[in-house]
Protein backbone atom coordinates (compact mmCIF):
# COMPACT_ATOMS: atom_id res chain seq x y z
CA UNK A 1 -1.38 -180.93 22.93
CA UNK A 2 1.61 -178.99 24.26
CA UNK A 3 3.26 -179.00 20.83
CA UNK A 4 0.09 -177.56 19.26
CA UNK A 5 0.26 -174.70 21.77
CA UNK A 6 3.87 -173.86 20.92
CA UNK A 7 5.52 -175.62 23.85
CA UNK A 8 8.48 -177.96 23.56
CA UNK A 9 8.90 -180.96 25.81
CA UNK A 10 12.51 -181.15 24.63
CA UNK A 11 13.47 -177.79 26.09
CA UNK A 12 14.36 -176.86 29.63
CA UNK A 13 11.89 -177.93 32.29
CA UNK A 14 12.58 -174.64 34.09
CA UNK A 15 10.61 -172.65 31.50
CA UNK A 16 7.45 -174.76 31.79
CA UNK A 17 5.87 -172.98 34.80
CA UNK A 18 6.10 -169.60 33.08
CA UNK A 19 4.75 -170.98 29.80
CA UNK A 20 1.87 -172.73 31.56
CA UNK A 21 0.98 -169.49 33.37
CA UNK A 22 0.92 -167.66 30.03
CA UNK A 23 -1.41 -170.28 28.57
CA UNK A 24 -3.67 -170.11 31.62
CA UNK A 25 -3.97 -166.35 31.13
CA UNK A 26 -4.54 -166.67 27.37
CA UNK A 27 -7.68 -168.84 27.52
CA UNK A 28 -10.95 -167.88 29.14
CA UNK A 29 -12.03 -171.51 29.13
CA UNK A 30 -10.52 -174.83 28.15
CA UNK A 31 -13.17 -177.46 27.62
CA UNK A 32 -12.45 -180.84 29.19
CA UNK A 33 -13.65 -183.83 27.15
CA UNK A 34 -14.43 -185.96 30.21
CA UNK A 35 -16.65 -183.13 31.45
CA UNK A 36 -18.14 -182.19 28.09
CA UNK A 37 -21.58 -181.17 29.31
CA UNK A 38 -20.14 -179.10 32.16
CA UNK A 39 -17.74 -177.50 29.67
CA UNK A 40 -20.62 -176.63 27.35
CA UNK A 41 -22.54 -174.98 30.18
CA UNK A 42 -19.52 -172.85 31.13
CA UNK A 43 -18.98 -171.98 27.45
CA UNK A 44 -22.65 -171.09 27.17
CA UNK A 45 -22.29 -168.74 30.13
CA UNK A 46 -19.37 -167.00 28.42
CA UNK A 47 -21.36 -166.70 25.18
CA UNK A 48 -24.61 -165.84 26.99
CA UNK A 49 -26.44 -168.88 25.63
CA UNK A 50 -29.17 -170.93 27.28
CA UNK A 51 -28.72 -174.69 27.85
CA UNK A 52 -31.34 -175.38 25.18
CA UNK A 53 -29.11 -173.61 22.66
CA UNK A 54 -26.21 -175.93 23.52
CA UNK A 55 -27.94 -179.26 22.87
CA UNK A 56 -26.02 -181.59 20.55
CA UNK A 57 -26.10 -184.94 18.77
CA UNK A 58 -23.10 -187.31 18.87
CA UNK A 59 -21.65 -188.21 15.47
CA UNK A 60 -18.81 -190.55 14.53
CA UNK A 61 -18.68 -192.40 17.84
CA UNK A 62 -16.52 -195.50 18.34
CA UNK A 63 -18.26 -198.73 19.14
CA UNK A 64 -17.57 -199.68 22.78
CA UNK A 65 -16.01 -202.95 21.58
CA UNK A 66 -13.39 -200.97 19.62
CA UNK A 67 -12.13 -198.94 22.57
CA UNK A 68 -8.80 -200.33 23.73
CA UNK A 69 -8.02 -200.00 27.44
CA UNK A 70 -4.63 -198.39 28.02
CA UNK A 71 -4.09 -199.02 31.73
CA UNK A 72 -0.97 -201.08 31.03
CA UNK A 73 0.62 -198.30 28.95
CA UNK A 74 -0.60 -195.29 30.96
CA UNK A 75 2.66 -194.87 32.92
CA UNK A 76 4.73 -194.90 29.72
CA UNK A 77 2.41 -192.42 28.04
CA UNK A 78 2.63 -190.09 31.03
CA UNK A 79 6.44 -190.29 30.98
CA UNK A 80 6.62 -189.65 27.23
CA UNK A 81 4.13 -186.80 27.44
CA UNK A 82 4.99 -185.27 30.81
CA UNK A 83 4.42 -181.72 29.58
CA UNK A 84 1.02 -182.70 28.20
CA UNK A 85 0.16 -184.25 31.57
CA UNK A 86 1.17 -181.02 33.34
CA UNK A 87 -0.87 -179.00 30.88
CA UNK A 88 -3.91 -181.24 31.28
CA UNK A 89 -3.70 -181.17 35.08
CA UNK A 90 -3.38 -177.38 35.05
CA UNK A 91 -6.40 -176.90 32.80
CA UNK A 92 -8.42 -179.46 34.77
CA UNK A 93 -7.68 -177.53 37.98
CA UNK A 94 -8.54 -174.20 36.33
CA UNK A 95 -11.71 -175.75 34.90
CA UNK A 96 -12.96 -176.75 38.35
CA UNK A 97 -11.99 -173.34 39.76
CA UNK A 98 -14.14 -171.73 37.07
CA UNK A 99 -16.91 -174.22 37.86
CA UNK A 100 -16.77 -173.21 41.53
CA UNK A 101 -16.90 -169.53 40.57
CA UNK A 102 -19.94 -170.28 38.43
CA UNK A 103 -21.47 -172.21 41.33
CA UNK A 104 -21.38 -176.00 41.50
CA UNK A 105 -25.08 -176.25 42.33
CA UNK A 106 -25.97 -173.94 39.46
CA UNK A 107 -23.67 -175.89 37.14
CA UNK A 108 -25.33 -179.16 38.12
CA UNK A 109 -28.80 -177.71 37.45
CA UNK A 110 -27.73 -176.29 34.08
CA UNK A 111 -26.12 -179.61 33.08
CA UNK A 112 -29.41 -181.35 33.91
CA UNK A 113 -31.24 -178.86 31.65
CA UNK A 114 -28.66 -179.34 28.89
CA UNK A 115 -28.96 -183.12 29.05
CA UNK A 116 -32.76 -182.90 28.90
CA UNK A 117 -32.52 -180.58 25.87
CA UNK A 118 -29.98 -182.90 24.27
CA UNK A 119 -32.26 -185.90 24.82
CA UNK A 120 -35.18 -184.04 23.19
CA UNK A 121 -32.95 -183.13 20.25
CA UNK A 122 -31.80 -186.75 19.86
CA UNK A 123 -35.40 -187.97 19.91
CA UNK A 124 -36.25 -185.50 17.17
CA UNK A 125 -33.12 -185.86 15.03
CA UNK A 126 -31.84 -189.42 15.47
CA UNK A 127 -33.84 -192.48 14.48
CA UNK A 128 -31.03 -194.83 15.48
CA UNK A 129 -27.54 -194.28 16.86
CA UNK A 130 -24.51 -196.55 16.71
CA UNK A 131 -25.18 -197.58 13.12
CA UNK A 132 -22.30 -199.49 11.46
CA UNK A 133 -20.83 -197.58 8.48
CA UNK A 134 -21.92 -200.22 5.95
CA UNK A 135 -25.55 -199.52 6.77
CA UNK A 136 -25.31 -195.79 6.06
CA UNK A 137 -25.50 -193.80 2.85
CA UNK A 138 -22.27 -192.21 1.62
CA UNK A 139 -23.44 -188.74 2.61
CA UNK A 140 -23.70 -189.57 6.31
CA UNK A 141 -21.17 -192.41 6.61
CA UNK A 142 -18.27 -191.60 8.98
CA UNK A 143 -14.99 -191.45 7.07
CA UNK A 144 -12.32 -193.95 8.01
CA UNK A 145 -9.33 -195.43 6.24
CA UNK A 146 -9.62 -198.77 4.47
CA UNK A 147 -7.19 -200.33 6.95
CA UNK A 148 -9.14 -199.17 10.01
CA UNK A 149 -11.46 -201.67 11.61
CA UNK A 150 -14.91 -200.21 10.86
CA UNK A 151 -15.61 -199.24 14.45
CA UNK A 152 -16.71 -195.63 13.99
CA UNK A 153 -20.48 -195.59 14.14
CA UNK A 154 -22.86 -193.09 12.61
CA UNK A 155 -26.46 -192.10 13.16
CA UNK A 156 -29.54 -192.66 11.08
CA UNK A 157 -31.89 -189.71 10.82
CA UNK A 158 -35.65 -190.15 10.92
CA UNK A 159 -37.52 -189.98 7.63
CA UNK A 160 -39.18 -186.74 8.58
CA UNK A 161 -39.28 -183.52 6.63
CA UNK A 162 -39.99 -181.60 9.84
CA UNK A 163 -36.47 -181.94 11.21
CA UNK A 164 -35.28 -178.77 9.51
CA UNK A 165 -32.04 -176.89 10.07
CA UNK A 166 -31.97 -177.62 13.80
CA UNK A 167 -30.88 -181.23 13.28
CA UNK A 168 -28.37 -180.31 10.58
CA UNK A 169 -26.54 -177.86 12.86
CA UNK A 170 -26.54 -179.82 16.12
CA UNK A 171 -23.74 -182.36 15.63
CA UNK A 172 -20.91 -182.72 18.14
């Protein structure tokens, strides 16, 4: 992540605080994957969108059995990626500061509305989730290399002409 933002973990540690401050000032919001719904609500506030307009459908999700726990390698990863860890911790702190400015109670209510809208969208647009790739048509099959264990799951859409453009544009 730090490399993608123009930072170098190989250069002097002394420059990191200044560079992190510049990044903090450059972004109005950094979405945090572990707090995806909360991030969407804050993004929606910036874009003046309602929670209903932020509803989404998950695509290309790993099967739970294919997720490898990394607890035993976490310390090594943090050491190898210390600048990324600093960057993540900074943006996580800034994220929660923005959430507090927005109002934690308000955020919780808006997340509840978003999740309800998302559930309605899923009921309308997804007949079955977590479908193995071999059971899907080429058009909707998640791409993966031949060597990859086929753990990325797709979704099967209902056989309904009434789905319209809403379902086609609501993938996350």
